[in-house]
PDB file of N, CA and C in Angstrom:
ATOM      1  N   MET A   1       0.847  -1.178   0.000  1.00  0.00           N
ATOM      2  CA  MET A   1       0.000   0.000   0.000  1.00  0.00           C
ATOM      3  C   MET A   1       0.890   1.238   0.000  1.00  0.00           C
ATOM      4  N   VAL A   2       0.621   2.143  -0.903  1.00  0.00           N
ATOM      5  CA  VAL A   2       1.386   3.381  -1.016  1.00  0.00           C
ATOM      6  C   VAL A   2       0.722   4.437  -0.146  1.00  0.00           C
ATOM      7  N   THR A   3       1.518   5.091   0.691  1.00  0.00           N
ATOM      8  CA  THR A   3       0.999   6.166   1.523  1.00  0.00           C
ATOM      9  C   THR A   3       0.812   7.420   0.672  1.00  0.00           C
ATOM     10  N   ILE A   4      -0.358   8.025   0.807  1.00  0.00           N
ATOM     11  CA  ILE A   4      -0.637   9.224   0.024  1.00  0.00           C
ATOM     12  C   ILE A   4      -0.110  10.437   0.782  1.00  0.00           C
ATOM     13  N   THR A   5       0.951  11.012   0.258  1.00  0.00           N
ATOM     14  CA  THR A   5       1.563  12.204   0.845  1.00  0.00           C
ATOM     15  C   THR A   5       1.523  13.320  -0.185  1.00  0.00           C
ATOM     16  N   ALA A   6       1.919  14.501   0.240  1.00  0.00           N
ATOM     17  CA  ALA A   6       1.958  15.623  -0.702  1.00  0.00           C
ATOM     18  C   ALA A   6       2.939  15.340  -1.831  1.00  0.00           C
ATOM     19  N   ALA A   7       4.087  14.754  -1.506  1.00  0.00           N
ATOM     20  CA  ALA A   7       5.078  14.426  -2.541  1.00  0.00           C
ATOM     21  C   ALA A   7       4.533  13.367  -3.492  1.00  0.00           C
ATOM     22  N   ASN A   8       3.795  12.402  -2.932  1.00  0.00           N
ATOM     23  CA  ASN A   8       3.195  11.346  -3.747  1.00  0.00           C
ATOM     24  C   ASN A   8       2.150  11.934  -4.689  1.00  0.00           C
ATOM     25  N   ARG A   9       1.338  12.860  -4.189  1.00  0.00           N
ATOM     26  CA  ARG A   9       0.333  13.511  -5.039  1.00  0.00           C
ATOM     27  C   ARG A   9       0.994  14.315  -6.154  1.00  0.00           C
ATOM     28  N   GLU A  10       2.067  15.016  -5.820  1.00  0.00           N
ATOM     29  CA  GLU A  10       2.795  15.799  -6.829  1.00  0.00           C
ATOM     30  C   GLU A  10       3.384  14.900  -7.913  1.00  0.00           C
ATOM     31  N   ALA A  11       3.973  13.786  -7.501  1.00  0.00           N
ATOM     32  CA  ALA A  11       4.563  12.852  -8.473  1.00  0.00           C
ATOM     33  C   ALA A  11       3.473  12.246  -9.355  1.00  0.00           C
ATOM     34  N   HIS A  12       2.331  11.897  -8.743  1.00  0.00           N
ATOM     35  CA  HIS A  12       1.208  11.346  -9.514  1.00  0.00           C
ATOM     36  C   HIS A  12       0.721  12.367 -10.537  1.00  0.00           C
ATOM     37  N   TRP A  13       0.559  13.619 -10.097  1.00  0.00           N
ATOM     38  CA  TRP A  13       0.086  14.656 -11.001  1.00  0.00           C
ATOM     39  C   TRP A  13       1.090  14.903 -12.125  1.00  0.00           C
ATOM     40  N   ALA A  14       2.384  14.889 -11.819  1.00  0.00           N
ATOM     41  CA  ALA A  14       3.406  15.108 -12.850  1.00  0.00           C
ATOM     42  C   ALA A  14       3.336  14.023 -13.911  1.00  0.00           C
ATOM     43  N   ARG A  15       3.217  12.761 -13.499  1.00  0.00           N
ATOM     44  CA  ARG A  15       3.121  11.659 -14.476  1.00  0.00           C
ATOM     45  C   ARG A  15       1.841  11.764 -15.289  1.00  0.00           C
ATOM     46  N   THR A  16       0.726  12.104 -14.610  1.00  0.00           N
ATOM     47  CA  THR A  16      -0.558  12.236 -15.304  1.00  0.00           C
ATOM     48  C   THR A  16      -0.510  13.384 -16.309  1.00  0.00           C
ATOM     49  N   ARG A  17       0.056  14.512 -15.903  1.00  0.00           N
ATOM     50  CA  ARG A  17       0.159  15.674 -16.793  1.00  0.00           C
ATOM     51  C   ARG A  17       1.013  15.350 -18.019  1.00  0.00           C
ATOM     52  N   ASN A  18       2.149  14.686 -17.807  1.00  0.00           N
ATOM     53  CA  ASN A  18       3.017  14.325 -18.936  1.00  0.00           C
ATOM     54  C   ASN A  18       2.321  13.362 -19.893  1.00  0.00           C
ATOM     55  N   LEU A  19       1.591  12.408 -19.346  1.00  0.00           N
ATOM     56  CA  LEU A  19       0.847  11.472 -20.192  1.00  0.00           C
ATOM     57  C   LEU A  19      -0.203  12.222 -21.010  1.00  0.00           C
ATOM     58  N   MET A  20      -0.897  13.143 -20.377  1.00  0.00           N
ATOM     59  CA  MET A  20      -1.923  13.930 -21.070  1.00  0.00           C
ATOM     60  C   MET A  20      -1.304  14.761 -22.195  1.00  0.00           C
ATOM     61  N   ILE A  21      -0.181  15.381 -21.933  1.00  0.00           N
ATOM     62  CA  ILE A  21       0.484  16.205 -22.957  1.00  0.00           C
ATOM     63  C   ILE A  21       0.885  15.350 -24.147  1.00  0.00           C
ATOM     64  N   ILE A  22       1.439  14.185 -23.886  1.00  0.00           N
ATOM     65  CA  ILE A  22       1.843  13.284 -24.979  1.00  0.00           C
ATOM     66  C   ILE A  22       0.637  12.906 -25.830  1.00  0.00           C
ATOM     67  N   HIS A  23      -0.467  12.559 -25.189  1.00  0.00           N
ATOM     68  CA  HIS A  23      -1.654  12.155 -25.945  1.00  0.00           C
ATOM     69  C   HIS A  23      -2.302  13.337 -26.666  1.00  0.00           C
ATOM     70  N   LEU A  24      -2.220  14.514 -26.103  1.00  0.00           N
ATOM     71  CA  LEU A  24      -2.742  15.687 -26.813  1.00  0.00           C
ATOM     72  C   LEU A  24      -1.908  16.010 -28.048  1.00  0.00           C
ATOM     73  N   VAL A  25      -0.611  15.813 -27.979  1.00  0.00           N
ATOM     74  CA  VAL A  25       0.250  16.024 -29.155  1.00  0.00           C
ATOM     75  C   VAL A  25      -0.101  15.013 -30.243  1.00  0.00           C
ATOM     76  N   ILE A  26      -0.277  13.757 -29.856  1.00  0.00           N
ATOM     77  CA  ILE A  26      -0.672  12.727 -30.838  1.00  0.00           C
ATOM     78  C   ILE A  26      -2.020  13.097 -31.445  1.00  0.00           C
ATOM     79  N   TRP A  27      -2.971  13.515 -30.612  1.00  0.00           N
ATOM     80  CA  TRP A  27      -4.280  13.912 -31.104  1.00  0.00           C
ATOM     81  C   TRP A  27      -4.169  15.078 -32.090  1.00  0.00           C
ATOM     82  N   PHE A  28      -3.347  16.082 -31.748  1.00  0.00           N
ATOM     83  CA  PHE A  28      -3.165  17.238 -32.620  1.00  0.00           C
ATOM     84  C   PHE A  28      -2.591  16.822 -33.971  1.00  0.00           C
ATOM     85  N   VAL A  29      -1.586  15.953 -33.960  1.00  0.00           N
ATOM     86  CA  VAL A  29      -0.965  15.508 -35.205  1.00  0.00           C
ATOM     87  C   VAL A  29      -1.998  14.853 -36.110  1.00  0.00           C
ATOM     88  N   PHE A  30      -2.805  13.939 -35.545  1.00  0.00           N
ATOM     89  CA  PHE A  30      -3.761  13.222 -36.386  1.00  0.00           C
ATOM     90  C   PHE A  30      -5.036  14.014 -36.656  1.00  0.00           C
ATOM     91  N   SER A  31      -5.313  15.053 -35.876  1.00  0.00           N
ATOM     92  CA  SER A  31      -6.498  15.876 -36.127  1.00  0.00           C
ATOM     93  C   SER A  31      -6.229  16.976 -37.139  1.00  0.00           C
ATOM     94  N   TYR A  32      -5.061  17.595 -37.036  1.00  0.00           N
ATOM     95  CA  TYR A  32      -4.795  18.784 -37.844  1.00  0.00           C
ATOM     96  C   TYR A  32      -3.668  18.606 -38.854  1.00  0.00           C
ATOM     97  N   LEU A  33      -2.520  18.153 -38.389  1.00  0.00           N
ATOM     98  CA  LEU A  33      -1.362  18.117 -39.290  1.00  0.00           C
ATOM     99  C   LEU A  33      -1.539  17.139 -40.440  1.00  0.00           C
ATOM    100  N   VAL A  34      -2.069  15.962 -40.159  1.00  0.00           N
ATOM    101  CA  VAL A  34      -2.264  14.981 -41.239  1.00  0.00           C
ATOM    102  C   VAL A  34      -3.215  15.538 -42.286  1.00  0.00           C
ATOM    103  N   HIS A  35      -4.299  16.191 -41.853  1.00  0.00           N
ATOM    104  CA  HIS A  35      -5.262  16.735 -42.807  1.00  0.00           C
ATOM    105  C   HIS A  35      -4.713  17.969 -43.503  1.00  0.00           C
ATOM    106  N   TRP A  36      -3.895  18.722 -42.810  1.00  0.00           N
ATOM    107  CA  TRP A  36      -3.291  19.914 -43.391  1.00  0.00           C
ATOM    108  C   TRP A  36      -2.376  19.538 -44.551  1.00  0.00           C
ATOM    109  N   PHE A  37      -1.672  18.428 -44.394  1.00  0.00           N
ATOM    110  CA  PHE A  37      -0.745  17.982 -45.433  1.00  0.00           C
ATOM    111  C   PHE A  37      -1.349  16.894 -46.324  1.00  0.00           C
ATOM    112  N   ALA A  38      -2.672  16.812 -46.361  1.00  0.00           N
ATOM    113  CA  ALA A  38      -3.337  15.794 -47.173  1.00  0.00           C
ATOM    114  C   ALA A  38      -2.953  15.865 -48.651  1.00  0.00           C
ATOM    115  N   PRO A  39      -2.875  17.059 -49.270  1.00  0.00           N
ATOM    116  CA  PRO A  39      -2.492  17.072 -50.694  1.00  0.00           C
ATOM    117  C   PRO A  39      -1.110  16.452 -50.939  1.00  0.00           C
ATOM    118  N   GLN A  40      -0.168  16.707 -50.040  1.00  0.00           N
ATOM    119  CA  GLN A  40       1.155  16.110 -50.205  1.00  0.00           C
ATOM    120  C   GLN A  40       1.116  14.603 -49.925  1.00  0.00           C
ATOM    121  N   LEU A  41       0.279  14.198 -48.962  1.00  0.00           N
ATOM    122  CA  LEU A  41       0.174  12.771 -48.640  1.00  0.00           C
ATOM    123  C   LEU A  41      -0.534  11.996 -49.745  1.00  0.00           C
ATOM    124  N   ASN A  42      -1.346  12.671 -50.543  1.00  0.00           N
ATOM    125  CA  ASN A  42      -2.069  11.994 -51.619  1.00  0.00           C
ATOM    126  C   ASN A  42      -1.141  11.482 -52.715  1.00  0.00           C
ATOM    127  N   GLN A  43       0.117  11.868 -52.685  1.00  0.00           N
ATOM    128  CA  GLN A  43       1.092  11.352 -53.657  1.00  0.00           C
ATOM    129  C   GLN A  43       1.404   9.880 -53.395  1.00  0.00           C
ATOM    130  N   PHE A  44       1.123   9.418 -52.170  1.00  0.00           N
ATOM    131  CA  PHE A  44       1.363   8.026 -51.794  1.00  0.00           C
ATOM    132  C   PHE A  44       0.027   7.307 -51.704  1.00  0.00           C
ATOM    133  N   THR A  45       0.043   5.987 -51.869  1.00  0.00           N
ATOM    134  CA  THR A  45      -1.193   5.213 -51.792  1.00  0.00           C
ATOM    135  C   THR A  45      -1.094   4.157 -50.703  1.00  0.00           C
ATOM    136  N   PHE A  46      -2.252   3.812 -50.141  1.00  0.00           N
ATOM    137  CA  PHE A  46      -2.401   2.742 -49.163  1.00  0.00           C
ATOM    138  C   PHE A  46      -3.670   1.997 -49.517  1.00  0.00           C
ATOM    139  N   LEU A  47      -3.564   0.718 -49.836  1.00  0.00           N
ATOM    140  CA  LEU A  47      -4.695  -0.085 -50.295  1.00  0.00           C
ATOM    141  C   LEU A  47      -5.364   0.556 -51.506  1.00  0.00           C
ATOM    142  N   LYS A  48      -4.560   1.107 -52.393  1.00  0.00           N
ATOM    143  CA  LYS A  48      -4.994   1.757 -53.630  1.00  0.00           C
ATOM    144  C   LYS A  48      -5.803   3.041 -53.402  1.00  0.00           C
ATOM    145  N   PHE A  49      -5.722   3.590 -52.204  1.00  0.00           N
ATOM    146  CA  PHE A  49      -6.339   4.883 -51.896  1.00  0.00           C
ATOM    147  C   PHE A  49      -5.232   5.893 -51.628  1.00  0.00           C
ATOM    148  N   PRO A  50      -5.424   7.151 -51.985  1.00  0.00           N
ATOM    149  CA  PRO A  50      -4.446   8.173 -51.612  1.00  0.00           C
ATOM    150  C   PRO A  50      -4.351   8.261 -50.077  1.00  0.00           C
ATOM    151  N   VAL A  51      -3.144   8.352 -49.549  1.00  0.00           N
ATOM    152  CA  VAL A  51      -2.945   8.337 -48.102  1.00  0.00           C
ATOM    153  C   VAL A  51      -3.668   9.500 -47.424  1.00  0.00           C
ATOM    154  N   GLY A  52      -3.664  10.679 -48.019  1.00  0.00           N
ATOM    155  CA  GLY A  52      -4.370  11.813 -47.433  1.00  0.00           C
ATOM    156  C   GLY A  52      -5.854  11.531 -47.286  1.00  0.00           C
ATOM    157  N   PHE A  53      -6.462  10.961 -48.317  1.00  0.00           N
ATOM    158  CA  PHE A  53      -7.879  10.601 -48.271  1.00  0.00           C
ATOM    159  C   PHE A  53      -8.110   9.520 -47.228  1.00  0.00           C
ATOM    160  N   TYR A  54      -7.254   8.501 -47.220  1.00  0.00           N
ATOM    161  CA  TYR A  54      -7.409   7.385 -46.288  1.00  0.00           C
ATOM    162  C   TYR A  54      -7.318   7.864 -44.843  1.00  0.00           C
ATOM    163  N   MET A  55      -6.336   8.735 -44.540  1.00  0.00           N
ATOM    164  CA  MET A  55      -6.172   9.220 -43.174  1.00  0.00           C
ATOM    165  C   MET A  55      -7.365  10.085 -42.757  1.00  0.00           C
ATOM    166  N   ALA A  56      -7.915  10.850 -43.679  1.00  0.00           N
ATOM    167  CA  ALA A  56      -9.075  11.678 -43.355  1.00  0.00           C
ATOM    168  C   ALA A  56     -10.315  10.818 -43.138  1.00  0.00           C
ATOM    169  N   ALA A  57     -10.466   9.769 -43.931  1.00  0.00           N
ATOM    170  CA  ALA A  57     -11.668   8.956 -43.875  1.00  0.00           C
ATOM    171  C   ALA A  57     -11.616   7.875 -42.787  1.00  0.00           C
ATOM    172  N   GLN A  58     -10.463   7.241 -42.602  1.00  0.00           N
ATOM    173  CA  GLN A  58     -10.395   6.102 -41.696  1.00  0.00           C
ATOM    174  C   GLN A  58      -9.255   6.182 -40.684  1.00  0.00           C
ATOM    175  N   GLY A  59      -8.085   6.550 -41.151  1.00  0.00           N
ATOM    176  CA  GLY A  59      -6.882   6.448 -40.332  1.00  0.00           C
ATOM    177  C   GLY A  59      -6.944   7.228 -39.036  1.00  0.00           C
ATOM    178  N   SER A  60      -7.377   8.464 -39.098  1.00  0.00           N
ATOM    179  CA  SER A  60      -7.437   9.282 -37.885  1.00  0.00           C
ATOM    180  C   SER A  60      -8.428   8.710 -36.881  1.00  0.00           C
ATOM    181  N   LEU A  61      -9.556   8.231 -37.358  1.00  0.00           N
ATOM    182  CA  LEU A  61     -10.550   7.659 -36.456  1.00  0.00           C
ATOM    183  C   LEU A  61     -10.025   6.419 -35.754  1.00  0.00           C
ATOM    184  N   VAL A  62      -9.317   5.584 -36.487  1.00  0.00           N
ATOM    185  CA  VAL A  62      -8.723   4.382 -35.890  1.00  0.00           C
ATOM    186  C   VAL A  62      -7.701   4.782 -34.832  1.00  0.00           C
ATOM    187  N   VAL A  63      -6.871   5.764 -35.145  1.00  0.00           N
ATOM    188  CA  VAL A  63      -5.867   6.230 -34.188  1.00  0.00           C
ATOM    189  C   VAL A  63      -6.542   6.761 -32.925  1.00  0.00           C
ATOM    190  N   PHE A  64      -7.630   7.507 -33.049  1.00  0.00           N
ATOM    191  CA  PHE A  64      -8.309   8.071 -31.887  1.00  0.00           C
ATOM    192  C   PHE A  64      -8.873   6.976 -30.984  1.00  0.00           C
ATOM    193  N   VAL A  65      -9.478   5.961 -31.569  1.00  0.00           N
ATOM    194  CA  VAL A  65     -10.051   4.870 -30.769  1.00  0.00           C
ATOM    195  C   VAL A  65      -8.947   4.095 -30.058  1.00  0.00           C
ATOM    196  N   VAL A  66      -7.890   3.765 -30.767  1.00  0.00           N
ATOM    197  CA  VAL A  66      -6.770   3.051 -30.154  1.00  0.00           C
ATOM    198  C   VAL A  66      -6.146   3.911 -29.062  1.00  0.00           C
ATOM    199  N   GLN A  67      -5.986   5.195 -29.335  1.00  0.00           N
ATOM    200  CA  GLN A  67      -5.387   6.103 -28.357  1.00  0.00           C
ATOM    201  C   GLN A  67      -6.227   6.156 -27.083  1.00  0.00           C
ATOM    202  N   LEU A  68      -7.523   6.126 -27.191  1.00  0.00           N
ATOM    203  CA  LEU A  68      -8.399   6.155 -26.024  1.00  0.00           C
ATOM    204  C   LEU A  68      -8.129   4.969 -25.108  1.00  0.00           C
ATOM    205  N   PHE A  69      -8.051   3.772 -25.672  1.00  0.00           N
ATOM    206  CA  PHE A  69      -7.800   2.581 -24.865  1.00  0.00           C
ATOM    207  C   PHE A  69      -6.388   2.574 -24.287  1.00  0.00           C
ATOM    208  N   VAL A  70      -5.412   3.012 -25.074  1.00  0.00           N
ATOM    209  CA  VAL A  70      -4.028   3.072 -24.586  1.00  0.00           C
ATOM    210  C   VAL A  70      -3.915   4.061 -23.440  1.00  0.00           C
ATOM    211  N   PHE A  71      -4.540   5.227 -23.577  1.00  0.00           N
ATOM    212  CA  PHE A  71      -4.495   6.226 -22.514  1.00  0.00           C
ATOM    213  C   PHE A  71      -5.118   5.686 -21.228  1.00  0.00           C
ATOM    214  N   ALA A  72      -6.264   5.042 -21.344  1.00  0.00           N
ATOM    215  CA  ALA A  72      -6.934   4.507 -20.156  1.00  0.00           C
ATOM    216  C   ALA A  72      -6.051   3.480 -19.450  1.00  0.00           C
ATOM    217  N   LYS A  73      -5.402   2.616 -20.204  1.00  0.00           N
ATOM    218  CA  LYS A  73      -4.516   1.607 -19.611  1.00  0.00           C
ATOM    219  C   LYS A  73      -3.304   2.263 -18.962  1.00  0.00           C
ATOM    220  N   GLN A  74      -2.695   3.225 -19.642  1.00  0.00           N
ATOM    221  CA  GLN A  74      -1.526   3.906 -19.084  1.00  0.00           C
ATOM    222  C   GLN A  74      -1.895   4.679 -17.825  1.00  0.00           C
ATOM    223  N   GLN A  75      -3.039   5.352 -17.819  1.00  0.00           N
ATOM    224  CA  GLN A  75      -3.456   6.109 -16.638  1.00  0.00           C
ATOM    225  C   GLN A  75      -3.762   5.165 -15.485  1.00  0.00           C
ATOM    226  N   ASP A  76      -4.366   4.024 -15.771  1.00  0.00           N
ATOM    227  CA  ASP A  76      -4.633   3.041 -14.723  1.00  0.00           C
ATOM    228  C   ASP A  76      -3.328   2.545 -14.105  1.00  0.00           C
ATOM    229  N   ASN A  77      -2.314   2.315 -14.936  1.00  0.00           N
ATOM    230  CA  ASN A  77      -1.012   1.890 -14.416  1.00  0.00           C
ATOM    231  C   ASN A  77      -0.405   2.964 -13.509  1.00  0.00           C
ATOM    232  N   ILE A  78      -0.510   4.216 -13.909  1.00  0.00           N
ATOM    233  CA  ILE A  78       0.003   5.314 -13.073  1.00  0.00           C
ATOM    234  C   ILE A  78      -0.772   5.367 -11.758  1.00  0.00           C
ATOM    235  N   ASP A  79      -2.090   5.262 -11.824  1.00  0.00           N
ATOM    236  CA  ASP A  79      -2.909   5.302 -10.612  1.00  0.00           C
ATOM    237  C   ASP A  79      -2.546   4.161  -9.667  1.00  0.00           C
ATOM    238  N   ARG A  80      -2.345   2.973 -10.205  1.00  0.00           N
ATOM    239  CA  ARG A  80      -1.969   1.823  -9.366  1.00  0.00           C
ATOM    240  C   ARG A  80      -0.590   2.020  -8.751  1.00  0.00           C
ATOM    241  N   GLN A  81       0.332   2.573  -9.519  1.00  0.00           N
ATOM    242  CA  GLN A  81       1.685   2.806  -9.017  1.00  0.00           C
ATOM    243  C   GLN A  81       1.663   3.727  -7.797  1.00  0.00           C
ATOM    244  N   PHE A  82       0.776   4.717  -7.821  1.00  0.00           N
ATOM    245  CA  PHE A  82       0.735   5.692  -6.741  1.00  0.00           C
ATOM    246  C   PHE A  82      -0.374   5.403  -5.713  1.00  0.00           C
ATOM    247  N   GLY A  83      -1.042   4.260  -5.850  1.00  0.00           N
ATOM    248  CA  GLY A  83      -2.037   3.841  -4.859  1.00  0.00           C
ATOM    249  C   GLY A  83      -3.327   4.622  -4.883  1.00  0.00           C
ATOM    250  N   VAL A  84      -3.699   5.157  -6.021  1.00  0.00           N
ATOM    251  CA  VAL A  84      -4.945   5.917  -6.107  1.00  0.00           C
ATOM    252  C   VAL A  84      -5.904   5.332  -7.149  1.00  0.00           C
ATOM    253  N   ALA A  85      -5.697   4.081  -7.515  1.00  0.00           N
ATOM    254  CA  ALA A  85      -6.587   3.435  -8.482  1.00  0.00           C
ATOM    255  C   ALA A  85      -7.955   3.237  -7.846  1.00  0.00           C
ATOM    256  N   GLU A  86      -8.970   3.105  -8.669  1.00  0.00           N
ATOM    257  CA  GLU A  86     -10.330   2.972  -8.171  1.00  0.00           C
ATOM    258  C   GLU A  86     -10.516   1.720  -7.332  1.00  0.00           C
ATOM    259  N   THR A  87      -9.809   0.649  -7.647  1.00  0.00           N
ATOM    260  CA  THR A  87      -9.976  -0.590  -6.880  1.00  0.00           C
ATOM    261  C   THR A  87      -9.084  -0.647  -5.658  1.00  0.00           C
ATOM    262  N   ASP A  88      -8.193   0.329  -5.497  1.00  0.00           N
ATOM    263  CA  ASP A  88      -7.297   0.341  -4.332  1.00  0.00           C
ATOM    264  C   ASP A  88      -7.973   0.922  -3.120  1.00  0.00           C
TER     265      ASP A  88
END
């Protein structure tokens, strides 16, 4: 059992904040940058579709769903490490 102290709360918040920043950067890349550069990405193909079109239609959505599950698992691991998980 991890004792909840001020230092423990600070460390938990630092890890949580860093995880959130990383996932927000990934979200930004697939929400804006990929679509912004779609004309350049259309020079390449994936499954006979232009990559820019594919990422706008399917790729970004797949990344968002996978990212949601990965984030939840990573946050649960952080919570368990610091003794603040829901089941603890």
